[in-house]
Amino acid sequence: MTQLGRNIIILTLLLIVFGLVTLSSAGIIDGQKKFGSEYYYFNHQILNGILPGLLLFFIFSKVKYKFWKKISLPLLIFSLALLLAVFVTRFGFSAKGATRWLNFGLISFQPSEILKLSLIIYFAAWFSGRSEKIKSWSYSIVPFFVVLGFVGLLLALQPDVGTLGIVALIALSLYFFAGAKTSHFGGLILVLAVAFFVLVQLAPYRFDRFLTFFNPASDPQGISYHINQSLIAVGRGGLWGVGFGQSQQKLGFLPEPVGDSIFAVMAEELGLVGAASLITLFFLLSLQLVKITQNSTDRFGGLFALGMTVWVASQSLINIGAITGLLPLTGIPLPFVSYGGTSIATLLAGLGIAVNIAKTT
């Protein structure tokens, strides 16, 4: 085991502990109210996310990472099949106006999270084998746009525009750093910007999020309620916080206290010191993944680590930025911290692969 691999393991474990501690407090009221158990979210996160995720982390850290390059296409097809299955009434189920989950009796999960990992593997494998043709129109941007367009359509239909944004960032980053032609990349950005504008116009609530971003005081009891309650929580925390378990905003004022708003609860209870500590852990983990990208002698391994970097860094930055009013609200969960078994399990699986790549650097 290299020092780089050990660093990733240590930082991952610290983030898991930080997340579980935060969730144990943030979910007490909501868990008791909805399920009759104060620690419902905490227990489910361990059983459905942490334990299977750590098992995958351990197994994938032992599997030679080049194996994933060989099965990248079947893995992508399998992930897309799961994504399509959410629209089958027998398997897919809806919550809060979105159809994003699959239920196979004993297990239920969110296939879009599995898709993130499979896309990183697929694009890393694809671009690593086409280095000499990456600037070609027919071998790069056309098939790239077809794959990303199909994935985007499925995610938009759920709808899950937040995940679509993360997927697009990951795909674009891999395409750019693989050596994309500037004109091709610029054209792709323009097309995606137009598509994003259309998606915002099609759903009034998405447009409302932009309105509240530019003017949070416009409708504090209506469309601006979420961001205002989040800012109240962050503001109450001050430097040291009000104390662990002492958040007032989680008592029914703050929407989604165990979901995308969990950073606000943590900032209220642990203050700027706690928030800065969590951000530092995300930064250090991203830095270790960047080092793998820089040190890897294998193009596939380097691109995969880059994809994981973008996943961890962009999702944490977008969540924290939205909750603190620096970005429009998106509904994107905070990695390792927000409630969601599929999210943390797939993230741990991807980091397990990164650890295996680190062994060769």
Protein backbone atom coordinates (compact mmCIF):
# COMPACT_ATOMS: atom_id res chain seq x y z
CA MET A 1 0.00 0.00 0.00
CA THR A 2 1.42 3.38 -1.01
CA GLN A 3 1.21 6.50 1.13
CA LEU A 4 -1.23 7.96 -1.39
CA GLY A 5 -3.55 4.98 -0.95
CA ARG A 6 -3.32 5.20 2.84
CA ASN A 7 -4.16 8.90 2.71
CA ILE A 8 -7.33 8.19 0.72
CA ILE A 9 -8.37 5.47 3.19
CA ILE A 10 -7.82 7.74 6.21
CA LEU A 11 -9.65 10.71 4.68
CA THR A 12 -12.52 8.49 3.54
CA LEU A 13 -12.96 7.06 7.04
CA LEU A 14 -12.84 10.55 8.58
CA LEU A 15 -15.55 11.75 6.18
CA ILE A 16 -17.70 8.71 6.96
CA VAL A 17 -17.44 9.37 10.70
CA PHE A 18 -18.10 13.09 10.22
CA GLY A 19 -21.14 12.28 8.10
CA LEU A 20 -22.60 9.76 10.54
CA VAL A 21 -22.15 12.09 13.50
CA THR A 22 -23.87 14.91 11.61
CA LEU A 23 -26.69 12.67 10.39
CA SER A 24 -27.29 11.28 13.91
CA SER A 25 -28.18 14.79 15.04
CA ALA A 26 -29.85 16.17 11.89
CA GLY A 27 -32.23 13.23 11.55
CA ILE A 28 -33.51 12.92 15.13
CA ILE A 29 -36.66 15.03 14.77
CA ASP A 30 -37.56 13.96 11.24
CA GLY A 31 -36.89 10.30 12.05
CA GLN A 32 -39.10 10.36 15.12
CA LYS A 33 -41.87 12.22 13.31
CA LYS A 34 -41.98 10.03 10.18
CA PHE A 35 -40.80 6.61 11.37
CA GLY A 36 -41.12 6.62 15.17
CA SER A 37 -37.37 6.26 15.67
CA GLU A 38 -34.91 9.05 16.42
CA TYR A 39 -32.07 7.13 14.79
CA TYR A 40 -33.93 5.77 11.75
CA TYR A 41 -31.76 7.67 9.26
CA PHE A 42 -28.55 6.90 11.16
CA ASN A 43 -29.28 3.15 11.29
CA HIS A 44 -30.38 2.96 7.66
CA GLN A 45 -27.33 4.90 6.50
CA ILE A 46 -25.07 2.36 8.18
CA LEU A 47 -26.97 -0.75 7.04
CA ASN A 48 -27.88 0.34 3.50
CA GLY A 49 -24.95 2.59 2.66
CA ILE A 50 -21.86 2.45 4.86
CA LEU A 51 -21.53 -1.32 5.35
CA PRO A 52 -22.14 -2.33 1.71
CA GLY A 53 -20.03 0.64 0.61
CA LEU A 54 -17.08 -0.36 2.79
CA LEU A 55 -17.35 -3.92 1.49
CA LEU A 56 -17.23 -2.64 -2.10
CA PHE A 57 -14.38 -0.30 -1.16
CA PHE A 58 -12.34 -3.22 0.18
CA ILE A 59 -13.10 -5.56 -2.75
CA PHE A 60 -12.52 -2.94 -5.46
CA SER A 61 -9.27 -1.82 -3.86
CA LYS A 62 -8.00 -5.40 -4.39
CA VAL A 63 -9.27 -5.82 -7.98
CA LYS A 64 -6.78 -4.71 -10.63
CA TYR A 65 -8.20 -1.46 -11.91
CA LYS A 66 -7.64 -2.34 -15.60
CA PHE A 67 -10.41 -4.92 -15.22
CA TRP A 68 -12.94 -2.06 -15.22
CA LYS A 69 -11.63 -0.82 -18.56
CA LYS A 70 -12.41 -4.21 -20.11
CA ILE A 71 -16.03 -4.20 -18.94
CA SER A 72 -16.69 -0.45 -19.29
CA LEU A 73 -19.24 -0.79 -22.12
CA PRO A 74 -21.30 -3.65 -20.56
CA LEU A 75 -21.22 -1.75 -17.27
CA LEU A 76 -22.58 1.39 -18.95
CA ILE A 77 -25.30 -0.57 -20.74
CA PHE A 78 -26.29 -2.20 -17.44
CA SER A 79 -26.48 1.21 -15.73
CA LEU A 80 -28.61 2.62 -18.54
CA ALA A 81 -30.93 -0.39 -18.31
CA LEU A 82 -31.38 0.34 -14.59
CA LEU A 83 -32.08 3.97 -15.40
CA LEU A 84 -34.72 2.95 -17.93
CA ALA A 85 -36.28 0.54 -15.41
CA VAL A 86 -37.39 3.42 -13.17
CA PHE A 87 -40.06 4.18 -15.78
CA VAL A 88 -41.46 0.64 -15.50
CA THR A 89 -44.37 0.84 -13.07
CA ARG A 90 -43.58 -2.53 -11.51
CA PHE A 91 -40.08 -1.50 -10.42
CA GLY A 92 -39.83 2.28 -10.35
CA PHE A 93 -41.43 4.40 -7.67
CA SER A 94 -41.85 8.12 -7.16
CA ALA A 95 -41.33 10.50 -4.27
CA LYS A 96 -41.80 14.27 -4.12
CA GLY A 97 -42.76 14.46 -7.77
CA ALA A 98 -39.76 12.57 -9.15
CA THR A 99 -39.34 8.99 -10.35
CA ARG A 100 -35.73 8.18 -9.42
CA TRP A 101 -35.79 4.96 -7.42
CA LEU A 102 -36.01 1.23 -8.12
CA ASN A 103 -37.57 -1.29 -5.77
CA PHE A 104 -36.80 -4.98 -6.20
CA GLY A 105 -38.49 -6.15 -3.01
CA LEU A 106 -35.64 -6.64 -0.57
CA ILE A 107 -33.61 -3.73 -1.90
CA SER A 108 -34.33 -0.26 -3.24
CA PHE A 109 -31.77 2.11 -4.72
CA GLN A 110 -31.21 5.12 -6.98
CA PRO A 111 -29.72 4.00 -10.31
CA SER A 112 -28.52 7.49 -11.26
CA GLU A 113 -25.84 7.19 -8.56
CA ILE A 114 -24.57 3.95 -10.11
CA LEU A 115 -24.61 5.72 -13.47
CA LYS A 116 -22.11 8.35 -12.23
CA LEU A 117 -19.51 5.67 -11.50
CA SER A 118 -20.15 3.69 -14.68
CA LEU A 119 -19.86 6.86 -16.81
CA ILE A 120 -16.52 7.74 -15.23
CA ILE A 121 -15.27 4.24 -16.03
CA TYR A 122 -16.70 4.31 -19.57
CA PHE A 123 -15.39 7.73 -20.58
CA ALA A 124 -11.99 7.08 -18.97
CA ALA A 125 -11.74 3.82 -20.95
CA TRP A 126 -13.01 5.40 -24.16
CA PHE A 127 -10.74 8.45 -24.12
CA SER A 128 -7.70 6.45 -23.00
CA GLY A 129 -8.02 4.28 -26.11
CA ARG A 130 -8.61 7.18 -28.52
CA SER A 131 -5.84 9.62 -27.64
CA GLU A 132 -4.77 9.99 -31.27
CA LYS A 133 -8.34 10.53 -32.51
CA ILE A 134 -9.67 12.75 -29.73
CA LYS A 135 -9.59 15.84 -31.98
CA SER A 136 -11.53 14.07 -34.74
CA TRP A 137 -15.18 15.10 -35.12
CA SER A 138 -16.48 11.61 -35.93
CA TYR A 139 -14.45 9.78 -33.27
CA SER A 140 -14.93 12.21 -30.40
CA ILE A 141 -17.65 14.82 -30.19
CA VAL A 142 -20.39 13.01 -32.15
CA PRO A 143 -20.38 9.73 -30.15
CA PHE A 144 -19.67 11.70 -26.96
CA PHE A 145 -22.71 13.91 -27.56
CA VAL A 146 -24.91 10.91 -28.40
CA VAL A 147 -24.02 9.11 -25.14
CA LEU A 148 -24.32 12.24 -22.99
CA GLY A 149 -27.52 13.28 -24.78
CA PHE A 150 -29.21 9.93 -24.14
CA VAL A 151 -28.17 9.94 -20.49
CA GLY A 152 -29.34 13.55 -20.18
CA LEU A 153 -32.74 12.71 -21.65
CA LEU A 154 -33.30 9.88 -19.16
CA LEU A 155 -32.28 12.05 -16.20
CA ALA A 156 -34.41 14.99 -17.39
CA LEU A 157 -37.46 12.74 -17.67
CA GLN A 158 -37.18 11.54 -14.04
CA PRO A 159 -36.66 14.58 -13.48
CA ASP A 160 -33.21 14.83 -11.86
CA VAL A 161 -31.54 17.92 -13.26
CA GLY A 162 -29.16 18.15 -10.29
CA THR A 163 -27.63 14.75 -11.09
CA LEU A 164 -27.64 15.68 -14.78
CA GLY A 165 -25.51 18.71 -13.93
CA ILE A 166 -22.97 16.60 -12.02
CA VAL A 167 -22.86 13.99 -14.81
CA ALA A 168 -22.31 16.74 -17.40
CA LEU A 169 -19.47 18.26 -15.35
CA ILE A 170 -17.76 14.88 -15.01
CA ALA A 171 -18.14 14.06 -18.72
CA LEU A 172 -16.99 17.49 -19.90
CA SER A 173 -13.96 17.44 -17.60
CA LEU A 174 -12.85 14.05 -18.88
CA TYR A 175 -13.39 15.14 -22.49
CA PHE A 176 -11.44 18.38 -21.99
CA PHE A 177 -8.46 16.87 -20.17
CA ALA A 178 -8.31 13.98 -22.62
CA GLY A 179 -7.29 16.54 -25.24
CA ALA A 180 -10.49 17.77 -26.87
CA LYS A 181 -10.22 20.25 -29.71
CA THR A 182 -11.03 23.74 -28.40
CA SER A 183 -13.62 24.50 -31.08
CA HIS A 184 -15.39 21.17 -30.49
CA PHE A 185 -15.41 21.71 -26.74
CA GLY A 186 -16.70 25.27 -27.07
CA GLY A 187 -19.50 24.16 -29.37
CA LEU A 188 -20.47 21.42 -26.95
CA ILE A 189 -20.61 23.92 -24.07
CA LEU A 190 -22.88 26.15 -26.14
CA VAL A 191 -25.27 23.29 -26.96
CA LEU A 192 -25.43 22.21 -23.31
CA ALA A 193 -26.03 25.79 -22.17
CA VAL A 194 -29.03 26.06 -24.52
CA ALA A 195 -30.35 22.70 -23.30
CA PHE A 196 -29.99 23.83 -19.69
CA PHE A 197 -31.86 27.06 -20.46
CA VAL A 198 -34.71 25.07 -22.00
CA LEU A 199 -34.90 22.74 -18.98
CA VAL A 200 -35.12 25.73 -16.64
CA GLN A 201 -37.90 27.28 -18.72
CA LEU A 202 -39.90 24.05 -18.80
CA ALA A 203 -40.22 23.86 -15.02
CA PRO A 204 -41.26 27.03 -13.13
CA TYR A 205 -39.74 25.81 -9.84
CA ARG A 206 -36.28 25.73 -11.45
CA PHE A 207 -36.68 29.31 -12.62
CA ASP A 208 -37.83 30.26 -9.11
CA ARG A 209 -34.52 28.99 -7.75
CA PHE A 210 -32.67 31.50 -9.90
CA LEU A 211 -34.99 34.27 -8.77
CA THR A 212 -34.35 33.47 -5.11
CA PHE A 213 -30.62 33.26 -5.76
CA PHE A 214 -30.52 36.84 -7.04
CA ASN A 215 -33.00 38.12 -4.47
CA PRO A 216 -33.40 35.84 -1.40
CA ALA A 217 -35.59 38.43 0.35
CA SER A 218 -38.17 38.52 -2.45
CA ASP A 219 -40.57 35.94 -0.97
CA PRO A 220 -39.24 34.62 2.39
CA GLN A 221 -42.38 32.60 3.10
CA GLY A 222 -42.70 31.27 -0.43
CA ILE A 223 -40.11 30.48 -3.08
CA SER A 224 -37.27 31.93 -0.94
CA TYR A 225 -38.21 30.00 2.20
CA HIS A 226 -35.60 27.26 1.81
CA ILE A 227 -32.58 29.49 1.28
CA ASN A 228 -33.65 31.89 4.03
CA GLN A 229 -34.00 29.10 6.58
CA SER A 230 -30.62 27.72 5.52
CA LEU A 231 -28.96 31.11 5.94
CA ILE A 232 -30.57 31.51 9.38
CA ALA A 233 -29.09 28.16 10.43
CA VAL A 234 -25.62 29.02 9.12
CA GLY A 235 -25.79 32.48 10.72
CA ARG A 236 -26.85 31.10 14.12
CA GLY A 237 -23.80 28.84 14.16
CA GLY A 238 -21.29 31.67 14.35
CA LEU A 239 -17.70 30.63 15.00
CA TRP A 240 -18.15 27.68 17.36
CA GLY A 241 -21.80 26.70 16.81
CA VAL A 242 -24.71 26.38 19.21
CA GLY A 243 -23.61 22.90 20.30
CA PHE A 244 -24.01 19.39 18.96
CA GLY A 245 -27.68 18.38 18.88
CA GLN A 246 -28.87 21.91 19.68
CA SER A 247 -29.99 23.06 16.23
CA GLN A 248 -33.30 24.91 16.23
CA GLN A 249 -33.72 24.94 12.46
CA LYS A 250 -34.01 21.16 12.25
CA LEU A 251 -37.13 21.32 14.44
CA GLY A 252 -39.36 21.70 11.38
CA PHE A 253 -38.13 25.02 9.98
CA LEU A 254 -35.46 23.76 7.58
CA PRO A 255 -36.61 21.66 4.59
CA GLU A 256 -34.73 18.38 3.97
CA PRO A 257 -32.56 18.48 7.14
CA VAL A 258 -31.06 15.04 6.34
CA GLY A 259 -30.84 15.70 2.59
CA ASP A 260 -29.39 18.63 0.71
CA SER A 261 -29.82 20.97 3.72
CA ILE A 262 -27.73 18.92 6.14
CA PHE A 263 -24.73 21.26 5.82
CA ALA A 264 -26.87 24.05 7.32
CA VAL A 265 -27.68 21.90 10.36
CA MET A 266 -24.01 21.01 10.79
CA ALA A 267 -22.92 24.66 10.43
CA GLU A 268 -25.52 25.72 13.03
CA GLU A 269 -24.39 23.14 15.56
CA LEU A 270 -20.63 23.14 14.94
CA GLY A 271 -20.16 26.65 13.59
CA LEU A 272 -17.54 27.93 11.19
CA VAL A 273 -14.95 25.65 12.77
CA GLY A 274 -16.97 22.52 11.99
CA ALA A 275 -17.88 23.72 8.50
CA ALA A 276 -14.26 24.57 7.69
CA SER A 277 -13.14 21.17 8.99
CA LEU A 278 -15.53 19.36 6.66
CA ILE A 279 -14.53 21.51 3.67
CA THR A 280 -10.86 20.82 4.46
CA LEU A 281 -11.50 17.06 4.41
CA PHE A 282 -13.17 17.35 0.99
CA PHE A 283 -10.26 19.44 -0.26
CA LEU A 284 -7.63 17.00 1.00
CA LEU A 285 -9.45 14.01 -0.51
CA SER A 286 -9.74 15.80 -3.85
CA LEU A 287 -6.05 16.68 -3.65
CA GLN A 288 -5.07 13.02 -3.18
CA LEU A 289 -7.17 12.07 -6.21
CA VAL A 290 -5.47 14.81 -8.27
CA LYS A 291 -2.10 13.39 -7.25
CA ILE A 292 -3.15 9.98 -8.58
CA THR A 293 -4.06 11.65 -11.88
CA GLN A 294 -0.68 13.39 -12.03
CA ASN A 295 1.39 10.36 -11.02
CA SER A 296 -0.40 7.65 -12.96
CA THR A 297 1.55 6.26 -15.89
CA ASP A 298 -1.62 4.69 -17.29
CA ARG A 299 -4.00 6.98 -19.17
CA PHE A 300 -7.12 5.09 -18.07
CA GLY A 301 -6.09 5.20 -14.40
CA GLY A 302 -5.31 8.91 -14.58
CA LEU A 303 -8.59 9.80 -16.26
CA PHE A 304 -10.58 7.66 -13.82
CA ALA A 305 -8.99 9.45 -10.84
CA LEU A 306 -9.78 12.77 -12.53
CA GLY A 307 -13.43 11.75 -12.87
CA MET A 308 -13.58 10.84 -9.18
CA THR A 309 -12.00 14.21 -8.32
CA VAL A 310 -14.68 16.09 -10.25
CA TRP A 311 -17.42 13.95 -8.66
CA VAL A 312 -16.31 14.58 -5.08
CA ALA A 313 -15.26 18.22 -5.52
CA SER A 314 -18.13 19.47 -7.70
CA GLN A 315 -20.91 17.78 -5.73
CA SER A 316 -19.60 19.04 -2.37
CA LEU A 317 -18.94 22.56 -3.68
CA ILE A 318 -22.35 22.85 -5.38
CA ASN A 319 -24.20 21.62 -2.28
CA ILE A 320 -22.33 23.89 0.13
CA GLY A 321 -22.50 26.83 -2.29
CA ALA A 322 -26.26 26.44 -2.68
CA ILE A 323 -26.95 26.17 1.05
CA THR A 324 -24.83 29.26 1.80
CA GLY A 325 -26.42 31.34 -0.96
CA LEU A 326 -23.38 31.38 -3.24
CA LEU A 327 -25.15 29.26 -5.89
CA PRO A 328 -28.80 28.56 -6.80
CA LEU A 329 -30.42 25.69 -4.91
CA THR A 330 -30.09 22.41 -6.79
CA GLY A 331 -31.19 19.58 -4.50
CA ILE A 332 -27.80 17.87 -4.83
CA PRO A 333 -26.85 15.88 -1.69
CA LEU A 334 -23.61 16.43 0.22
CA PRO A 335 -21.22 13.48 -0.31
CA PHE A 336 -20.66 11.26 2.77
CA VAL A 337 -23.00 13.41 4.86
CA SER A 338 -26.49 13.55 3.32
CA TYR A 339 -28.80 10.59 3.81
CA GLY A 340 -28.71 8.16 0.89
CA GLY A 341 -27.39 4.61 0.83
CA THR A 342 -26.84 4.31 -2.94
CA SER A 343 -24.92 7.58 -3.07
CA ILE A 344 -22.37 6.71 -0.41
CA ALA A 345 -22.03 3.06 -1.47
CA THR A 346 -21.19 3.92 -5.08
CA LEU A 347 -18.86 6.71 -4.00
CA LEU A 348 -16.97 4.29 -1.74
CA ALA A 349 -16.81 1.77 -4.59
CA GLY A 350 -15.21 4.39 -6.84
CA LEU A 351 -12.71 5.38 -4.16
CA GLY A 352 -11.80 1.71 -3.77
CA ILE A 353 -10.83 1.65 -7.45
CA ALA A 354 -8.81 4.84 -6.91
CA VAL A 355 -6.90 3.17 -4.07
CA ASN A 356 -6.00 0.31 -6.40
CA ILE A 357 -4.75 2.78 -9.02
CA ALA A 358 -2.68 4.50 -6.30
CA LYS A 359 -0.78 1.24 -5.78
CA THR A 360 0.77 1.60 -9.24
CA THR A 361 1.79 5.28 -8.93
